[in-house]
Protein backbone atom coordinates (compact mmCIF):
# COMPACT_ATOMS: atom_id res chain seq x y z
CA MET A 1 -14.44 18.95 31.87
CA THR A 2 -14.71 16.01 29.97
CA ALA A 3 -11.76 13.53 29.18
CA LEU A 4 -12.08 14.40 25.35
CA THR A 5 -11.73 18.17 26.12
CA VAL A 6 -8.50 17.32 28.17
CA VAL A 7 -7.12 15.30 25.53
CA SER A 8 -7.96 17.56 22.84
CA GLN A 9 -6.44 20.53 24.69
CA ALA A 10 -3.08 18.74 25.58
CA THR A 11 -2.13 17.56 21.85
CA GLU A 12 -3.64 17.73 18.46
CA LEU A 13 -5.60 14.60 17.52
CA GLY A 14 -4.46 12.91 14.21
CA THR A 15 -3.93 9.68 12.41
CA ASN A 16 -0.23 9.61 11.85
CA ASN A 17 0.26 7.00 14.63
CA LEU A 18 -2.40 4.85 13.06
CA ARG A 19 -0.87 5.12 9.43
CA ALA A 20 2.50 4.40 10.79
CA TRP A 21 1.16 1.21 12.53
CA MET A 22 -0.68 0.05 9.40
CA LEU A 23 2.41 0.69 7.11
CA ASN A 24 4.57 -1.43 9.71
CA ASN A 25 2.33 -4.23 10.41
CA VAL A 26 -0.85 -4.64 8.39
CA VAL A 27 0.67 -4.21 4.80
CA PRO A 28 3.35 -6.58 5.17
CA LEU A 29 0.97 -9.22 6.57
CA LEU A 30 -1.26 -8.71 3.66
CA LEU A 31 1.59 -9.01 1.20
CA LEU A 32 2.65 -12.32 2.88
CA ALA A 33 -1.02 -13.66 2.75
CA VAL A 34 -1.19 -12.88 -0.98
CA ALA A 35 2.18 -14.43 -1.79
CA VAL A 36 1.26 -17.62 0.08
CA LEU A 37 -2.11 -17.63 -1.43
CA LEU A 38 -0.79 -17.10 -4.97
CA LEU A 39 1.76 -20.10 -4.50
CA TRP A 40 -0.40 -22.34 -3.03
CA LEU A 41 -3.28 -21.93 -5.61
CA GLY A 42 -1.33 -21.85 -8.57
CA GLY A 43 1.70 -23.65 -7.74
CA GLY A 44 0.09 -26.78 -6.40
CA LYS A 45 -1.58 -27.39 -9.80
CA GLY A 46 1.57 -26.89 -11.93
CA ASP A 47 0.39 -23.76 -13.44
CA ASN A 48 3.44 -21.71 -13.11
CA ALA A 49 2.74 -19.42 -16.04
CA GLY A 50 -0.48 -18.41 -14.26
CA VAL A 51 1.36 -17.90 -11.12
CA MET A 52 3.97 -15.56 -12.70
CA ARG A 53 1.03 -13.61 -14.35
CA ARG A 54 -0.50 -12.81 -10.94
CA VAL A 55 3.00 -12.06 -9.59
CA GLY A 56 3.11 -9.52 -12.13
CA GLY A 57 -0.21 -8.03 -11.30
CA VAL A 58 0.81 -7.91 -7.57
CA ILE A 59 3.93 -6.07 -8.39
CA ILE A 60 1.97 -3.49 -10.22
CA ALA A 61 -0.22 -3.14 -7.38
CA LEU A 62 2.77 -2.81 -5.18
CA GLY A 63 4.13 -0.02 -7.21
CA VAL A 64 0.57 1.87 -7.02
CA VAL A 65 0.60 1.42 -3.23
CA GLY A 66 3.95 2.64 -2.84
CA LEU A 67 3.17 5.83 -4.92
CA ALA A 68 0.17 6.40 -2.75
CA VAL A 69 1.94 5.96 0.39
CA SER A 70 5.04 7.87 -0.27
CA GLY A 71 3.46 10.92 -1.78
CA ALA A 72 5.37 10.78 -5.01
CA GLY A 73 2.24 10.38 -7.11
CA VAL A 74 2.02 14.10 -7.41
CA ASN A 75 5.44 14.32 -8.82
CA LEU A 76 4.77 11.50 -11.37
CA GLY A 77 1.54 13.11 -12.37
CA THR A 78 3.38 16.27 -12.86
CA TRP A 79 5.92 14.62 -15.06
CA ILE A 80 3.23 12.66 -17.16
CA ALA A 81 1.36 15.95 -17.76
CA GLY A 82 4.61 17.58 -18.79
CA LEU A 83 5.16 14.89 -21.47
CA PHE A 84 1.83 16.15 -23.16
CA THR A 85 1.94 19.61 -22.42
CA GLY A 86 5.57 20.09 -23.34
């Protein structure tokens, strides 16, 4: 009996722990890196309007990521479709 057979018989294999680890560790680090990069590139040159434009784009991207991670995108899509179909 191989080790994989023993593991697969004991529990179901899944990606829930990997997903939780990525949400708790990788996503905040990427957001921090983006924030520092935005401030360093735009703020150092005095281009405050450009920084705020980029921050607006980042906030929209965070909203999309939040919808994808939480699963609320299905409800939002149903609501938008309801606006057009009555």
